[in-house]
N, C-alpha and C. Protein backbone atom coordinates (compact mmCIF):
# COMPACT_ATOMS: atom_id res chain seq x y z
N MET A 1 -15.18 -4.96 -5.95
CA MET A 1 -15.08 -5.18 -4.52
C MET A 1 -15.23 -3.86 -3.77
N SER A 2 -14.59 -2.82 -4.18
CA SER A 2 -14.55 -1.58 -3.42
C SER A 2 -15.76 -0.70 -3.68
N GLY A 3 -16.29 -0.11 -2.60
CA GLY A 3 -17.36 0.85 -2.72
C GLY A 3 -16.83 2.26 -2.90
N LEU A 4 -15.53 2.43 -2.88
CA LEU A 4 -14.92 3.75 -3.08
C LEU A 4 -15.03 4.14 -4.54
N ALA A 5 -15.27 5.41 -4.79
CA ALA A 5 -15.43 5.88 -6.16
C ALA A 5 -14.11 6.42 -6.70
N LEU A 6 -13.70 5.89 -7.86
CA LEU A 6 -12.53 6.47 -8.52
C LEU A 6 -12.88 7.90 -8.89
N GLY A 7 -11.94 8.79 -8.68
CA GLY A 7 -12.17 10.21 -8.89
C GLY A 7 -12.60 10.92 -7.62
N GLY A 8 -12.97 10.12 -6.60
CA GLY A 8 -13.36 10.69 -5.31
C GLY A 8 -12.17 10.75 -4.37
N PRO A 9 -12.35 11.36 -3.21
CA PRO A 9 -11.24 11.51 -2.26
C PRO A 9 -10.82 10.18 -1.65
N ALA A 10 -9.53 10.03 -1.48
CA ALA A 10 -8.98 8.86 -0.79
C ALA A 10 -9.19 9.05 0.71
N PRO A 11 -9.68 8.04 1.41
CA PRO A 11 -9.80 8.16 2.86
C PRO A 11 -8.44 8.46 3.49
N ASP A 12 -8.38 9.52 4.28
CA ASP A 12 -7.11 9.90 4.91
C ASP A 12 -6.84 8.97 6.10
N PHE A 13 -5.58 8.85 6.45
CA PHE A 13 -5.21 8.02 7.59
C PHE A 13 -3.84 8.43 8.07
N THR A 14 -3.54 8.03 9.30
CA THR A 14 -2.20 8.11 9.87
C THR A 14 -1.91 6.74 10.46
N LEU A 15 -0.83 6.13 10.00
CA LEU A 15 -0.38 4.83 10.51
C LEU A 15 1.10 4.92 10.83
N ARG A 16 1.56 4.03 11.67
CA ARG A 16 3.00 3.97 12.00
C ARG A 16 3.72 3.07 11.01
N ASP A 17 4.93 3.52 10.64
CA ASP A 17 5.75 2.71 9.74
C ASP A 17 6.61 1.75 10.54
N GLN A 18 7.49 1.04 9.84
CA GLN A 18 8.31 0.01 10.48
C GLN A 18 9.29 0.58 11.49
N PHE A 19 9.47 1.91 11.51
CA PHE A 19 10.36 2.56 12.47
C PHE A 19 9.58 3.22 13.61
N GLY A 20 8.24 3.05 13.59
CA GLY A 20 7.41 3.65 14.63
C GLY A 20 7.05 5.10 14.37
N GLN A 21 7.35 5.59 13.17
CA GLN A 21 7.05 6.98 12.81
C GLN A 21 5.67 7.07 12.17
N ASP A 22 4.93 8.12 12.50
CA ASP A 22 3.62 8.34 11.89
C ASP A 22 3.76 8.76 10.44
N VAL A 23 2.95 8.17 9.58
CA VAL A 23 2.86 8.54 8.17
C VAL A 23 1.40 8.87 7.90
N THR A 24 1.14 10.08 7.39
CA THR A 24 -0.21 10.54 7.11
C THR A 24 -0.38 10.69 5.60
N LEU A 25 -1.40 10.06 5.06
CA LEU A 25 -1.62 10.10 3.61
C LEU A 25 -1.72 11.54 3.11
N SER A 26 -2.49 12.37 3.77
CA SER A 26 -2.71 13.74 3.28
C SER A 26 -1.44 14.60 3.29
N SER A 27 -0.39 14.15 3.97
CA SER A 27 0.87 14.92 3.97
C SER A 27 1.54 14.93 2.60
N PHE A 28 1.13 14.03 1.71
CA PHE A 28 1.70 13.98 0.36
C PHE A 28 0.93 14.85 -0.62
N ARG A 29 -0.25 15.32 -0.22
CA ARG A 29 -1.11 16.11 -1.09
C ARG A 29 -0.37 17.34 -1.60
N GLY A 30 -0.48 17.57 -2.91
CA GLY A 30 0.18 18.70 -3.54
C GLY A 30 1.64 18.44 -3.89
N ARG A 31 2.19 17.31 -3.43
CA ARG A 31 3.60 17.03 -3.66
C ARG A 31 3.85 15.76 -4.46
N LYS A 32 3.14 14.67 -4.12
CA LYS A 32 3.42 13.37 -4.72
C LYS A 32 2.14 12.58 -4.91
N ALA A 33 2.15 11.71 -5.90
CA ALA A 33 1.13 10.66 -5.99
C ALA A 33 1.54 9.58 -4.99
N VAL A 34 0.59 8.74 -4.60
CA VAL A 34 0.88 7.68 -3.64
C VAL A 34 0.32 6.37 -4.16
N ALA A 35 1.15 5.34 -4.15
CA ALA A 35 0.70 3.98 -4.46
C ALA A 35 0.49 3.28 -3.12
N LEU A 36 -0.76 2.94 -2.82
CA LEU A 36 -1.09 2.19 -1.60
C LEU A 36 -1.12 0.71 -1.96
N ILE A 37 -0.25 -0.06 -1.34
CA ILE A 37 -0.11 -1.47 -1.64
C ILE A 37 -0.54 -2.27 -0.40
N PHE A 38 -1.79 -2.70 -0.38
CA PHE A 38 -2.29 -3.52 0.73
C PHE A 38 -1.85 -4.96 0.50
N TYR A 39 -1.32 -5.59 1.55
CA TYR A 39 -0.91 -6.99 1.45
C TYR A 39 -1.31 -7.72 2.72
N PRO A 40 -1.62 -9.02 2.60
CA PRO A 40 -2.16 -9.76 3.75
C PRO A 40 -1.16 -9.97 4.90
N TYR A 41 0.01 -10.52 4.62
CA TYR A 41 0.88 -10.95 5.73
C TYR A 41 2.36 -10.75 5.42
N ALA A 42 3.07 -10.15 6.35
CA ALA A 42 4.53 -10.12 6.27
C ALA A 42 5.04 -11.56 6.31
N PHE A 43 6.10 -11.81 5.60
CA PHE A 43 6.79 -13.10 5.58
C PHE A 43 6.04 -14.22 4.87
N SER A 44 4.88 -13.95 4.27
CA SER A 44 4.22 -15.00 3.50
C SER A 44 4.84 -15.03 2.10
N GLY A 45 4.74 -16.16 1.43
CA GLY A 45 5.43 -16.36 0.16
C GLY A 45 5.11 -15.33 -0.91
N VAL A 46 3.83 -15.15 -1.22
CA VAL A 46 3.45 -14.21 -2.28
C VAL A 46 3.80 -12.78 -1.88
N CYS A 47 3.51 -12.40 -0.64
CA CYS A 47 3.78 -11.04 -0.17
C CYS A 47 5.28 -10.73 -0.18
N THR A 48 6.08 -11.70 0.23
CA THR A 48 7.53 -11.50 0.22
C THR A 48 8.02 -11.26 -1.20
N GLY A 49 7.53 -12.05 -2.15
CA GLY A 49 7.93 -11.86 -3.55
C GLY A 49 7.47 -10.52 -4.10
N GLU A 50 6.25 -10.13 -3.77
CA GLU A 50 5.73 -8.84 -4.25
C GLU A 50 6.51 -7.66 -3.69
N MET A 51 6.74 -7.67 -2.40
CA MET A 51 7.46 -6.55 -1.78
C MET A 51 8.89 -6.48 -2.31
N ALA A 52 9.50 -7.63 -2.56
CA ALA A 52 10.84 -7.64 -3.15
C ALA A 52 10.79 -7.07 -4.57
N GLY A 53 9.73 -7.38 -5.32
CA GLY A 53 9.56 -6.82 -6.66
C GLY A 53 9.43 -5.31 -6.63
N ILE A 54 8.69 -4.80 -5.67
CA ILE A 54 8.56 -3.34 -5.53
C ILE A 54 9.91 -2.75 -5.14
N ARG A 55 10.59 -3.38 -4.19
CA ARG A 55 11.93 -2.91 -3.80
C ARG A 55 12.84 -2.84 -5.01
N ASP A 56 12.83 -3.88 -5.83
CA ASP A 56 13.72 -3.94 -6.98
C ASP A 56 13.37 -2.92 -8.05
N ARG A 57 12.12 -2.46 -8.06
CA ARG A 57 11.67 -1.50 -9.09
C ARG A 57 11.29 -0.15 -8.49
N LEU A 58 11.73 0.10 -7.27
CA LEU A 58 11.35 1.33 -6.58
C LEU A 58 11.75 2.58 -7.37
N ALA A 59 12.90 2.54 -8.02
CA ALA A 59 13.34 3.69 -8.81
C ALA A 59 12.33 4.04 -9.91
N GLU A 60 11.67 3.03 -10.46
CA GLU A 60 10.66 3.30 -11.49
C GLU A 60 9.45 4.02 -10.90
N PHE A 61 9.05 3.64 -9.70
CA PHE A 61 7.95 4.35 -9.03
C PHE A 61 8.36 5.79 -8.75
N LEU A 62 9.60 5.97 -8.29
CA LEU A 62 10.08 7.31 -7.96
C LEU A 62 10.17 8.20 -9.20
N THR A 63 10.40 7.59 -10.36
CA THR A 63 10.44 8.34 -11.62
C THR A 63 9.15 9.12 -11.81
N PHE A 64 8.03 8.56 -11.33
CA PHE A 64 6.73 9.21 -11.47
C PHE A 64 6.41 10.05 -10.24
N ASP A 65 7.44 10.40 -9.44
CA ASP A 65 7.26 11.23 -8.25
C ASP A 65 6.17 10.65 -7.37
N THR A 66 6.32 9.36 -7.07
CA THR A 66 5.32 8.61 -6.32
C THR A 66 5.91 8.04 -5.05
N GLU A 67 5.18 8.16 -3.97
CA GLU A 67 5.52 7.51 -2.70
C GLU A 67 4.84 6.15 -2.70
N VAL A 68 5.56 5.11 -2.34
CA VAL A 68 4.99 3.77 -2.22
C VAL A 68 4.80 3.47 -0.75
N LEU A 69 3.57 3.10 -0.37
CA LEU A 69 3.28 2.74 1.01
C LEU A 69 2.69 1.33 1.05
N GLY A 70 3.41 0.41 1.67
CA GLY A 70 2.89 -0.93 1.89
C GLY A 70 2.07 -0.93 3.17
N ILE A 71 0.91 -1.58 3.16
CA ILE A 71 0.02 -1.58 4.33
C ILE A 71 -0.46 -3.01 4.60
N SER A 72 -0.24 -3.47 5.85
CA SER A 72 -0.82 -4.74 6.28
C SER A 72 -1.27 -4.59 7.72
N CYS A 73 -1.99 -5.57 8.21
CA CYS A 73 -2.49 -5.54 9.59
C CYS A 73 -1.47 -6.12 10.57
N ASP A 74 -0.26 -6.37 10.11
CA ASP A 74 0.79 -6.86 11.00
C ASP A 74 1.23 -5.74 11.95
N PRO A 75 1.68 -6.07 13.17
CA PRO A 75 2.17 -5.04 14.08
C PRO A 75 3.47 -4.40 13.58
N VAL A 76 3.79 -3.23 14.11
CA VAL A 76 4.98 -2.48 13.72
C VAL A 76 6.24 -3.35 13.80
N PHE A 77 6.36 -4.14 14.86
CA PHE A 77 7.57 -4.94 15.06
C PHE A 77 7.73 -5.99 13.96
N ALA A 78 6.63 -6.57 13.52
CA ALA A 78 6.69 -7.54 12.41
C ALA A 78 7.05 -6.82 11.12
N GLN A 79 6.51 -5.61 10.92
CA GLN A 79 6.85 -4.84 9.72
C GLN A 79 8.36 -4.55 9.69
N ARG A 80 8.91 -4.19 10.84
CA ARG A 80 10.34 -3.87 10.92
C ARG A 80 11.18 -5.11 10.61
N ALA A 81 10.82 -6.25 11.19
CA ALA A 81 11.57 -7.48 10.93
C ALA A 81 11.47 -7.87 9.46
N PHE A 82 10.30 -7.72 8.87
CA PHE A 82 10.07 -8.02 7.45
C PHE A 82 10.93 -7.11 6.58
N ALA A 83 10.90 -5.81 6.86
CA ALA A 83 11.69 -4.85 6.08
C ALA A 83 13.19 -5.15 6.20
N ASP A 84 13.64 -5.41 7.42
CA ASP A 84 15.06 -5.70 7.63
C ASP A 84 15.48 -6.99 6.94
N ALA A 85 14.66 -8.02 7.04
CA ALA A 85 15.01 -9.32 6.48
C ALA A 85 15.11 -9.28 4.96
N ASP A 86 14.25 -8.46 4.32
CA ASP A 86 14.21 -8.44 2.86
C ASP A 86 14.73 -7.14 2.24
N GLY A 87 15.33 -6.28 3.05
CA GLY A 87 15.89 -5.03 2.52
C GLY A 87 14.83 -4.14 1.89
N LEU A 88 13.64 -4.10 2.48
CA LEU A 88 12.55 -3.30 1.92
C LEU A 88 12.76 -1.85 2.34
N ASN A 89 13.04 -1.01 1.37
CA ASN A 89 13.46 0.37 1.63
C ASN A 89 12.36 1.39 1.31
N PHE A 90 11.14 1.06 1.63
CA PHE A 90 10.02 1.96 1.50
C PHE A 90 9.12 1.73 2.72
N PRO A 91 8.26 2.67 3.06
CA PRO A 91 7.46 2.53 4.27
C PRO A 91 6.51 1.34 4.23
N LEU A 92 6.55 0.55 5.30
CA LEU A 92 5.58 -0.51 5.54
C LEU A 92 4.75 -0.06 6.74
N LEU A 93 3.47 0.14 6.53
CA LEU A 93 2.61 0.71 7.55
C LEU A 93 1.79 -0.37 8.26
N SER A 94 1.66 -0.19 9.57
CA SER A 94 0.93 -1.15 10.39
C SER A 94 -0.50 -0.69 10.62
N ASP A 95 -1.44 -1.47 10.10
CA ASP A 95 -2.87 -1.24 10.30
C ASP A 95 -3.37 -2.19 11.40
N PHE A 96 -2.52 -2.35 12.42
CA PHE A 96 -2.78 -3.34 13.46
C PHE A 96 -3.86 -2.89 14.45
N TRP A 97 -3.81 -1.60 14.88
CA TRP A 97 -4.78 -1.14 15.86
C TRP A 97 -5.19 0.28 15.61
N PRO A 98 -6.50 0.60 15.64
CA PRO A 98 -7.54 -0.41 15.73
C PRO A 98 -7.45 -1.34 14.53
N HIS A 99 -7.58 -2.62 14.82
CA HIS A 99 -7.25 -3.65 13.85
C HIS A 99 -7.99 -3.49 12.53
N GLY A 100 -7.21 -3.23 11.46
CA GLY A 100 -7.76 -3.16 10.12
C GLY A 100 -8.60 -1.93 9.81
N ALA A 101 -8.50 -0.87 10.60
CA ALA A 101 -9.35 0.31 10.39
C ALA A 101 -9.14 0.93 9.01
N VAL A 102 -7.89 1.05 8.57
CA VAL A 102 -7.61 1.63 7.26
C VAL A 102 -8.01 0.65 6.16
N SER A 103 -7.71 -0.62 6.35
CA SER A 103 -8.13 -1.63 5.37
C SER A 103 -9.65 -1.62 5.21
N ARG A 104 -10.36 -1.43 6.30
CA ARG A 104 -11.82 -1.34 6.22
C ARG A 104 -12.25 -0.09 5.46
N ALA A 105 -11.59 1.04 5.72
CA ALA A 105 -11.93 2.29 5.04
C ALA A 105 -11.76 2.16 3.53
N TYR A 106 -10.81 1.33 3.11
CA TYR A 106 -10.56 1.10 1.68
C TYR A 106 -11.30 -0.14 1.18
N ASP A 107 -12.14 -0.71 2.02
CA ASP A 107 -12.98 -1.85 1.67
C ASP A 107 -12.16 -3.07 1.22
N VAL A 108 -11.02 -3.30 1.89
CA VAL A 108 -10.17 -4.44 1.53
C VAL A 108 -9.89 -5.35 2.73
N PHE A 109 -10.60 -5.16 3.85
CA PHE A 109 -10.37 -6.00 5.02
C PHE A 109 -11.17 -7.28 4.90
N ASP A 110 -10.53 -8.40 5.12
CA ASP A 110 -11.17 -9.70 5.08
C ASP A 110 -11.48 -10.11 6.52
N GLU A 111 -12.75 -10.05 6.88
CA GLU A 111 -13.17 -10.38 8.26
C GLU A 111 -12.83 -11.83 8.62
N ARG A 112 -12.86 -12.72 7.66
CA ARG A 112 -12.60 -14.14 7.91
C ARG A 112 -11.15 -14.38 8.33
N THR A 113 -10.21 -13.72 7.64
CA THR A 113 -8.79 -13.94 7.92
C THR A 113 -8.19 -12.89 8.85
N GLY A 114 -8.88 -11.77 9.03
CA GLY A 114 -8.34 -10.70 9.87
C GLY A 114 -7.19 -9.96 9.23
N ALA A 115 -7.13 -10.00 7.89
CA ALA A 115 -6.02 -9.38 7.16
C ALA A 115 -6.56 -8.57 5.98
N ALA A 116 -5.71 -7.71 5.47
CA ALA A 116 -6.06 -6.96 4.26
C ALA A 116 -6.05 -7.91 3.06
N ARG A 117 -6.95 -7.66 2.13
CA ARG A 117 -6.91 -8.38 0.86
C ARG A 117 -5.80 -7.76 0.01
N ARG A 118 -5.25 -8.52 -0.90
CA ARG A 118 -4.21 -8.04 -1.80
C ARG A 118 -4.85 -7.04 -2.77
N SER A 119 -4.61 -5.74 -2.52
CA SER A 119 -5.24 -4.67 -3.30
C SER A 119 -4.29 -3.50 -3.41
N SER A 120 -4.50 -2.71 -4.46
CA SER A 120 -3.68 -1.52 -4.67
C SER A 120 -4.56 -0.35 -5.08
N TYR A 121 -4.15 0.83 -4.67
CA TYR A 121 -4.80 2.08 -5.08
C TYR A 121 -3.72 3.06 -5.50
N VAL A 122 -4.04 3.88 -6.49
CA VAL A 122 -3.19 5.02 -6.82
C VAL A 122 -3.97 6.27 -6.42
N VAL A 123 -3.33 7.10 -5.60
CA VAL A 123 -3.89 8.37 -5.15
C VAL A 123 -3.09 9.47 -5.83
N ASP A 124 -3.77 10.38 -6.52
CA ASP A 124 -3.04 11.43 -7.24
C ASP A 124 -2.59 12.53 -6.28
N ARG A 125 -1.89 13.53 -6.81
CA ARG A 125 -1.33 14.62 -5.99
C ARG A 125 -2.40 15.44 -5.29
N GLU A 126 -3.63 15.38 -5.80
CA GLU A 126 -4.73 16.13 -5.17
C GLU A 126 -5.46 15.29 -4.12
N GLY A 127 -5.02 14.05 -3.89
CA GLY A 127 -5.64 13.21 -2.89
C GLY A 127 -6.85 12.45 -3.39
N LEU A 128 -6.98 12.32 -4.72
CA LEU A 128 -8.12 11.62 -5.31
C LEU A 128 -7.71 10.21 -5.75
N LEU A 129 -8.62 9.27 -5.60
CA LEU A 129 -8.39 7.89 -6.04
C LEU A 129 -8.46 7.86 -7.56
N ARG A 130 -7.41 7.38 -8.20
CA ARG A 130 -7.37 7.35 -9.66
C ARG A 130 -7.41 5.95 -10.26
N TRP A 131 -7.04 4.93 -9.49
CA TRP A 131 -6.98 3.58 -10.03
C TRP A 131 -6.96 2.60 -8.87
N SER A 132 -7.55 1.44 -9.09
CA SER A 132 -7.46 0.39 -8.07
C SER A 132 -7.48 -0.97 -8.76
N VAL A 133 -6.93 -1.93 -8.07
CA VAL A 133 -6.98 -3.32 -8.54
C VAL A 133 -7.00 -4.20 -7.29
N HIS A 134 -7.76 -5.28 -7.38
CA HIS A 134 -7.89 -6.22 -6.27
C HIS A 134 -7.56 -7.61 -6.80
N ASN A 135 -6.56 -8.24 -6.20
CA ASN A 135 -6.10 -9.55 -6.64
C ASN A 135 -6.47 -10.61 -5.62
N PRO A 136 -6.70 -11.83 -6.07
CA PRO A 136 -6.88 -12.92 -5.10
C PRO A 136 -5.63 -13.02 -4.23
N THR A 137 -5.83 -13.41 -2.99
CA THR A 137 -4.73 -13.47 -2.03
C THR A 137 -3.56 -14.31 -2.54
N SER A 138 -3.85 -15.33 -3.32
CA SER A 138 -2.79 -16.24 -3.77
C SER A 138 -2.07 -15.74 -5.02
N GLU A 139 -2.50 -14.62 -5.61
CA GLU A 139 -1.87 -14.11 -6.84
C GLU A 139 -1.13 -12.82 -6.57
N GLY A 140 0.00 -12.67 -7.24
CA GLY A 140 0.78 -11.45 -7.13
C GLY A 140 0.25 -10.34 -8.02
N ARG A 141 0.80 -9.17 -7.85
CA ARG A 141 0.40 -7.99 -8.61
C ARG A 141 1.17 -7.88 -9.92
N ASP A 142 0.58 -7.17 -10.86
CA ASP A 142 1.24 -6.83 -12.12
C ASP A 142 1.87 -5.45 -11.94
N LEU A 143 3.14 -5.41 -11.57
CA LEU A 143 3.81 -4.14 -11.30
C LEU A 143 3.90 -3.27 -12.56
N ASP A 144 3.97 -3.89 -13.73
CA ASP A 144 3.99 -3.11 -14.96
C ASP A 144 2.72 -2.28 -15.10
N GLU A 145 1.57 -2.87 -14.75
CA GLU A 145 0.30 -2.14 -14.82
C GLU A 145 0.28 -1.00 -13.82
N HIS A 146 0.81 -1.21 -12.64
CA HIS A 146 0.90 -0.13 -11.64
C HIS A 146 1.69 1.04 -12.22
N LEU A 147 2.83 0.72 -12.80
CA LEU A 147 3.68 1.78 -13.34
C LEU A 147 3.03 2.48 -14.53
N ARG A 148 2.30 1.75 -15.37
CA ARG A 148 1.56 2.38 -16.48
C ARG A 148 0.54 3.37 -15.94
N GLN A 149 -0.18 2.99 -14.91
CA GLN A 149 -1.19 3.88 -14.34
C GLN A 149 -0.55 5.13 -13.76
N LEU A 150 0.59 4.98 -13.11
CA LEU A 150 1.29 6.15 -12.56
C LEU A 150 1.78 7.05 -13.68
N GLY A 151 2.28 6.44 -14.75
CA GLY A 151 2.75 7.22 -15.89
C GLY A 151 1.63 8.05 -16.51
N ASP A 152 0.40 7.53 -16.47
CA ASP A 152 -0.73 8.27 -17.00
C ASP A 152 -1.07 9.48 -16.17
N LEU A 153 -0.67 9.49 -14.89
CA LEU A 153 -0.97 10.63 -14.01
C LEU A 153 -0.04 11.81 -14.24
N VAL A 154 1.16 11.55 -14.73
CA VAL A 154 2.13 12.65 -14.92
C VAL A 154 2.07 13.29 -16.27
């Protein structure tokens, strides 16, 4: 699906998190790997289960010195309500405006639905794309595989 090249640079971006704070991908360069978790909709069944799974296993991601960033096209206020309702303790970024610009840069925006496709990328400490996976919207992610890929980076 993606035209991005593994081993190439990750498209940089700045998006607002659920607290309205700017988060810039390149700010992690030299310090942490980043797991970019694109998801279609806050409060939808599969997305709620996935984000809860990440929340429950966040310590494992942190073991690999990795920042987890959830990204959807929902507005900041919906991200905040979603995080509060489900105790999601990692940044949820709003790709709402310009609508889907970051999702488009990562080639995961679905023009038909106006939402990000369920996709993940691992960006290493140097800002390079090291791994990606794209799942059908109705299927959840294999978090074990995400963690294996992160373990290979350290």
